[in-house]
Structure formats: structure tokens, C-alpha cells
C-alpha atoms as a PDB file:
ATOM      1  CA  MET A   1     109.028-104.778  22.019  1.00  0.00           C
ATOM      2  CA  THR A   2     109.616-102.988  18.715  1.00  0.00           C
ATOM      3  CA  GLU A   3     106.470-101.677  17.054  1.00  0.00           C
ATOM      4  CA  GLN A   4     105.572-103.173  13.692  1.00  0.00           C
ATOM      5  CA  ALA A   5     105.461-101.054  10.575  1.00  0.00           C
ATOM      6  CA  SER A   6     102.073-100.436   9.000  1.00  0.00           C
ATOM      7  CA  PHE A   7     103.090 -97.662   6.600  1.00  0.00           C
ATOM      8  CA  GLY A   8     105.862 -97.398   4.033  1.00  0.00           C
ATOM      9  CA  VAL A   9     107.497 -94.780   1.856  1.00  0.00           C
ATOM     10  CA  LEU A  10     109.550 -95.291  -1.306  1.00  0.00           C
ATOM     11  CA  LEU A  11     111.550 -92.362  -2.626  1.00  0.00           C
ATOM     12  CA  THR A  12     113.150 -92.591  -6.043  1.00  0.00           C
ATOM     13  CA  MET A  13     115.836 -89.979  -6.568  1.00  0.00           C
ATOM     14  CA  ARG A  14     117.933 -89.423  -9.648  1.00  0.00           C
ATOM     15  CA  VAL A  15     121.055 -87.435  -8.842  1.00  0.00           C
ATOM     16  CA  LYS A  16     122.856 -85.028 -11.109  1.00  0.00           C
ATOM     17  CA  PRO A  17     125.984 -86.390 -12.819  1.00  0.00           C
ATOM     18  CA  GLY A  18     129.021 -85.959 -10.580  1.00  0.00           C
ATOM     19  CA  CYS A  19     126.921 -85.617  -7.413  1.00  0.00           C
ATOM     20  CA  ALA A  20     126.574 -89.253  -6.286  1.00  0.00           C
ATOM     21  CA  GLN A  21     129.178 -89.147  -3.510  1.00  0.00           C
ATOM     22  CA  ARG A  22     127.835 -85.891  -2.050  1.00  0.00           C
ATOM     23  CA  PHE A  23     124.289 -87.250  -2.343  1.00  0.00           C
ATOM     24  CA  GLU A  24     125.220 -90.396  -0.401  1.00  0.00           C
ATOM     25  CA  GLU A  25     126.812 -88.288   2.331  1.00  0.00           C
ATOM     26  CA  ALA A  26     123.733 -86.048   2.502  1.00  0.00           C
ATOM     27  CA  ILE A  27     121.278 -88.949   2.522  1.00  0.00           C
ATOM     28  CA  ARG A  28     123.137 -90.471   5.490  1.00  0.00           C
ATOM     29  CA  ARG A  29     122.552 -87.237   7.407  1.00  0.00           C
ATOM     30  CA  VAL A  30     118.869 -87.290   6.441  1.00  0.00           C
ATOM     31  CA  ALA A  31     118.666 -90.939   7.517  1.00  0.00           C
ATOM     32  CA  ALA A  32     120.010 -90.016  10.944  1.00  0.00           C
ATOM     33  CA  THR A  33     117.141 -87.558  11.483  1.00  0.00           C
ATOM     34  CA  VAL A  34     114.660 -90.194  10.303  1.00  0.00           C
ATOM     35  CA  ALA A  35     116.128 -92.786  12.691  1.00  0.00           C
ATOM     36  CA  ASP A  36     115.732 -90.344  15.588  1.00  0.00           C
ATOM     37  CA  HIS A  37     111.949 -90.290  15.145  1.00  0.00           C
ATOM     38  CA  PRO A  38     110.274 -92.856  17.437  1.00  0.00           C
ATOM     39  CA  GLY A  39     107.749 -93.735  14.713  1.00  0.00           C
ATOM     40  CA  ASN A  40     110.423 -94.915  12.273  1.00  0.00           C
ATOM     41  CA  VAL A  41     110.853 -98.684  12.172  1.00  0.00           C
ATOM     42  CA  GLY A  42     113.654 -98.902   9.595  1.00  0.00           C
ATOM     43  CA  GLN A  43     115.066 -97.589   6.349  1.00  0.00           C
ATOM     44  CA  ALA A  44     117.337 -98.616   3.489  1.00  0.00           C
ATOM     45  CA  VAL A  45     119.080 -96.935   0.564  1.00  0.00           C
ATOM     46  CA  PHE A  46     119.395 -98.831  -2.719  1.00  0.00           C
ATOM     47  CA  LEU A  47     121.395 -97.951  -5.839  1.00  0.00           C
ATOM     48  CA  ASP A  48     119.875 -99.017  -9.164  1.00  0.00           C
ATOM     49  CA  ILE A  49     122.268-101.539 -10.739  1.00  0.00           C
ATOM     50  CA  GLU A  50     121.276-100.418 -14.238  1.00  0.00           C
ATOM     51  CA  ASP A  51     121.445 -96.678 -13.579  1.00  0.00           C
ATOM     52  CA  GLU A  52     124.159 -95.470 -11.205  1.00  0.00           C
ATOM     53  CA  LEU A  53     122.439 -92.110 -10.816  1.00  0.00           C
ATOM     54  CA  THR A  54     119.172 -93.535  -9.451  1.00  0.00           C
ATOM     55  CA  TYR A  55     118.653 -94.297  -5.768  1.00  0.00           C
ATOM     56  CA  VAL A  56     115.600 -95.800  -4.098  1.00  0.00           C
ATOM     57  CA  ILE A  57     115.155 -95.057  -0.411  1.00  0.00           C
ATOM     58  CA  SER A  58     112.649 -97.055   1.612  1.00  0.00           C
ATOM     59  CA  SER A  59     111.410 -96.286   5.089  1.00  0.00           C
ATOM     60  CA  GLU A  60     108.911 -98.041   7.310  1.00  0.00           C
ATOM     61  CA  TRP A  61     106.759 -96.341   9.915  1.00  0.00           C
ATOM     62  CA  VAL A  62     104.373 -97.369  12.668  1.00  0.00           C
ATOM     63  CA  SER A  63     101.680 -95.215  11.045  1.00  0.00           C
ATOM     64  CA  GLU A  64     101.024 -92.630   8.380  1.00  0.00           C
ATOM     65  CA  HIS A  65     100.573 -90.099  11.168  1.00  0.00           C
ATOM     66  CA  ALA A  66     104.114 -90.763  12.456  1.00  0.00           C
ATOM     67  CA  PHE A  67     105.553 -90.332   8.960  1.00  0.00           C
ATOM     68  CA  ARG A  68     103.640 -87.098   8.279  1.00  0.00           C
ATOM     69  CA  GLU A  69     104.669 -85.728  11.677  1.00  0.00           C
ATOM     70  CA  HIS A  70     108.318 -86.333  10.816  1.00  0.00           C
ATOM     71  CA  GLU A  71     107.907 -85.052   7.237  1.00  0.00           C
ATOM     72  CA  ARG A  72     106.575 -81.711   8.530  1.00  0.00           C
ATOM     73  CA  SER A  73     109.196 -81.308  11.256  1.00  0.00           C
ATOM     74  CA  PRO A  74     111.744 -78.464  11.067  1.00  0.00           C
ATOM     75  CA  GLU A  75     114.563 -80.992  11.591  1.00  0.00           C
ATOM     76  CA  HIS A  76     113.531 -82.974   8.521  1.00  0.00           C
ATOM     77  CA  ARG A  77     113.073 -79.850   6.407  1.00  0.00           C
ATOM     78  CA  ARG A  78     116.576 -78.662   7.321  1.00  0.00           C
ATOM     79  CA  ALA A  79     118.086 -82.087   6.616  1.00  0.00           C
ATOM     80  CA  ILE A  80     116.533 -82.484   3.163  1.00  0.00           C
ATOM     81  CA  ALA A  81     117.515 -78.982   2.025  1.00  0.00           C
ATOM     82  CA  ALA A  82     120.990 -80.312   1.171  1.00  0.00           C
ATOM     83  CA  LEU A  83     119.480 -82.793  -1.309  1.00  0.00           C
ATOM     84  CA  ARG A  84     117.769 -80.218  -3.504  1.00  0.00           C
ATOM     85  CA  ASP A  85     120.886 -79.120  -5.387  1.00  0.00           C
ATOM     86  CA  LEU A  86     122.119 -82.695  -5.829  1.00  0.00           C
ATOM     87  CA  ARG A  87     119.110 -84.366  -7.407  1.00  0.00           C
ATOM     88  CA  ALA A  88     117.816 -84.056 -10.932  1.00  0.00           C
ATOM     89  CA  ASP A  89     114.439 -85.613 -10.205  1.00  0.00           C
ATOM     90  CA  SER A  90     112.531 -87.320  -7.429  1.00  0.00           C
ATOM     91  CA  ALA A  91     109.262 -89.136  -6.807  1.00  0.00           C
ATOM     92  CA  MET A  92     107.609 -90.403  -3.651  1.00  0.00           C
ATOM     93  CA  ALA A  93     105.155 -93.270  -3.184  1.00  0.00           C
ATOM     94  CA  VAL A  94     103.379 -93.776   0.136  1.00  0.00           C
ATOM     95  CA  MET A  95     101.596 -97.008   1.010  1.00  0.00           C
ATOM     96  CA  HIS A  96      99.908 -99.037   3.700  1.00  0.00           C
ATOM     97  CA  LEU A  97     101.307-102.483   4.494  1.00  0.00           C
ATOM     98  CA  VAL A  98      98.970-105.242   3.332  1.00  0.00           C
ATOM     99  CA  HIS A  99     101.041-108.375   4.082  1.00  0.00           C
ATOM    100  CA  ARG A 100     104.510-108.990   5.491  1.00  0.00           C
ATOM    101  CA  LEU A 101     105.826-112.068   3.721  1.00  0.00           C
ATOM    102  CA  THR A 102     108.538-114.018   5.484  1.00  0.00           C
ATOM    103  CA  PRO A 103     110.192-117.323   4.595  1.00  0.00           C
ATOM    104  CA  GLU A 104     108.807-120.456   6.204  1.00  0.00           C
ATOM    105  CA  PRO A 105     111.169-122.001   8.778  1.00  0.00           C
ATOM    106  CA  GLY A 106     112.948-125.208   7.903  1.00  0.00           C
ATOM    107  CA  PRO A 107     115.068-126.579   5.054  1.00  0.00           C
ATOM    108  CA  ARG A 108     114.750-125.160   1.563  1.00  0.00           C
END
């Protein structure tokens, strides 16, 4: 049985002009290290449709402890080093899951 997420992280990253392709390649490598952590439940990378230089990365974790453990790991620190020269700005929001809303079964 897959563990349910109780903790989430949203990263908003604005990349430098001309760096989008390299950023996407680098973020895939970072995502691979995240996926290797047993506390990670899932992740997604979104591109802002109104600003092609802004990405939002979401990740879900079984606990804040699992996320912080990964965040402090040498593997994660090495993986994110490649992002530093590619981004113009970044912000991180961390949160606890309050409700998971899913569609009701049946016709719509």
C-alpha cells in the first residue's frame, strides 16, 4: 500500500531568459533524486501559461520530517546546485494537507 501524503511543498522558480531548456533538463535530474526518497509520494512540474519563464514545482511527502530529511541530504544539495545559475528568483511554500478533495463517483 502506498503511503498517503500529509505534507506538501510548492516551489516557484523564475528562470533567466534563454535558460528554460537547461532548467527543464536540470529539474528532471533533481526530480529523480526526489523520487528516490521513500518519503516522496509524488511530484509535478508546471509552466505558467502567462509567463514562460515561471515554473511551479509541487511535491507531496508522507511527513514534514521526510521532506526535511531529503532537503538536508548531500544528494539533494548536489542535485540542486545546477539550478542556481539558471534561475532568476525562487520561493518555497511548505504546507500540511488539510483535505484531499476528489470527484464523487458517478455521472457528471
